[in-house]
């Protein structure tokens, strides 16, 4: 599974209001705790003062992520910026490895 850090932002206040209402209803109904195959939500941080936020998750492949976020993109005009990331363990492991191009 690949770790992703996803920044999102709304284009306008109206879309933010509608999406926030929808998300809070989704949250109240316990839908955020449902298991989605190939997706592991780690953390969501909301920064409503600037119409944005951050999601940290692990996914089996990027198409799973696109399917999950499709509803929010299409209905609330949210822009998502996907960035693959490393855990502490992955960073340490890659740092300790020999140079990939080394002749040794």
Protein backbone atom coordinates (compact mmCIF):
# COMPACT_ATOMS: atom_id res chain seq x y z
CA UNK A 1 0.00 0.00 0.00
CA UNK A 2 1.23 3.49 -0.85
CA UNK A 3 1.01 6.38 1.59
CA UNK A 4 -0.45 9.62 0.20
CA UNK A 5 -0.73 13.14 1.53
CA UNK A 6 -3.59 14.93 -0.20
CA UNK A 7 -4.18 18.66 0.01
CA UNK A 8 -7.64 19.82 -0.96
CA UNK A 9 -9.19 23.20 -1.52
CA UNK A 10 -12.59 24.61 -2.40
CA UNK A 11 -13.04 27.10 -5.19
CA UNK A 12 -15.63 29.16 -3.31
CA UNK A 13 -17.46 29.52 0.00
CA UNK A 14 -20.74 28.17 -1.30
CA UNK A 15 -19.18 24.85 -2.35
CA UNK A 16 -17.39 24.69 1.00
CA UNK A 17 -20.68 25.15 2.89
CA UNK A 18 -22.51 22.47 0.88
CA UNK A 19 -19.60 20.01 1.20
CA UNK A 20 -19.21 20.65 4.93
CA UNK A 21 -22.90 19.91 5.47
CA UNK A 22 -22.62 16.71 3.44
CA UNK A 23 -19.41 15.63 5.18
CA UNK A 24 -20.85 16.24 8.67
CA UNK A 25 -23.94 14.20 7.79
CA UNK A 26 -21.66 11.45 6.45
CA UNK A 27 -19.63 11.61 9.69
CA UNK A 28 -22.73 11.58 11.95
CA UNK A 29 -24.00 8.47 10.18
CA UNK A 30 -20.71 6.65 10.93
CA UNK A 31 -19.84 6.27 7.26
CA UNK A 32 -16.29 7.46 7.78
CA UNK A 33 -15.60 4.35 9.86
CA UNK A 34 -16.72 1.93 7.15
CA UNK A 35 -14.05 -0.29 5.65
CA UNK A 36 -13.22 0.35 2.00
CA UNK A 37 -11.15 -2.34 0.34
CA UNK A 38 -7.74 -1.03 -0.68
CA UNK A 39 -8.08 2.17 1.37
CA UNK A 40 -6.87 2.99 4.89
CA UNK A 41 -7.69 6.48 6.16
CA UNK A 42 -5.05 7.68 8.62
CA UNK A 43 -5.99 11.30 9.28
CA UNK A 44 -8.07 14.24 8.06
CA UNK A 45 -7.34 17.84 9.06
CA UNK A 46 -9.75 20.64 8.16
CA UNK A 47 -8.68 24.28 7.81
CA UNK A 48 -12.03 25.95 7.07
CA UNK A 49 -10.64 29.45 7.46
CA UNK A 50 -8.91 29.10 4.08
CA UNK A 51 -11.29 26.56 2.46
CA UNK A 52 -8.79 23.69 2.55
CA UNK A 53 -7.55 20.62 4.38
CA UNK A 54 -5.28 17.58 4.32
CA UNK A 55 -5.93 13.85 4.10
CA UNK A 56 -3.33 11.21 4.96
CA UNK A 57 -4.16 7.72 3.77
CA UNK A 58 -2.75 4.52 2.34
CA UNK A 59 -4.19 3.02 -0.82
CA UNK A 60 -3.65 -0.16 -2.76
CA UNK A 61 -3.45 1.85 -5.97
CA UNK A 62 -4.25 5.35 -7.14
CA UNK A 63 -7.46 4.28 -8.92
CA UNK A 64 -8.99 3.42 -5.53
CA UNK A 65 -8.28 6.95 -4.39
CA UNK A 66 -9.80 8.49 -7.53
CA UNK A 67 -12.97 6.43 -7.07
CA UNK A 68 -13.34 7.49 -3.43
CA UNK A 69 -12.82 11.20 -4.08
CA UNK A 70 -14.82 11.33 -7.31
CA UNK A 71 -18.07 12.20 -5.53
CA UNK A 72 -16.50 15.19 -3.76
CA UNK A 73 -14.74 16.46 -6.89
CA UNK A 74 -17.84 16.27 -9.06
CA UNK A 75 -20.39 17.58 -6.57
CA UNK A 76 -18.48 20.25 -4.65
CA UNK A 77 -15.81 21.55 -7.03
CA UNK A 78 -12.93 20.49 -4.77
CA UNK A 79 -9.37 20.40 -6.11
CA UNK A 80 -7.16 17.60 -4.82
CA UNK A 81 -3.36 17.55 -4.94
CA UNK A 82 -2.05 13.97 -4.51
CA UNK A 83 1.49 13.45 -3.22
CA UNK A 84 3.01 10.01 -2.59
CA UNK A 85 4.83 9.98 0.75
CA UNK A 86 7.12 7.81 2.88
CA UNK A 87 6.64 6.62 6.44
CA UNK A 88 9.52 7.07 8.90
CA UNK A 89 10.46 3.43 8.39
CA UNK A 90 10.45 3.72 4.60
CA UNK A 91 12.57 6.87 4.73
CA UNK A 92 15.11 5.21 7.02
CA UNK A 93 15.25 2.09 4.89
CA UNK A 94 15.80 4.03 1.67
CA UNK A 95 18.38 6.26 3.35
CA UNK A 96 20.37 3.26 4.57
CA UNK A 97 20.38 1.45 1.22
CA UNK A 98 23.42 1.49 -1.02
CA UNK A 99 23.34 3.90 -3.93
CA UNK A 100 21.09 2.41 -6.61
CA UNK A 101 23.57 3.27 -9.36
CA UNK A 102 26.64 2.13 -7.42
CA UNK A 103 28.94 -0.39 -9.19
CA UNK A 104 29.71 -2.17 -5.92
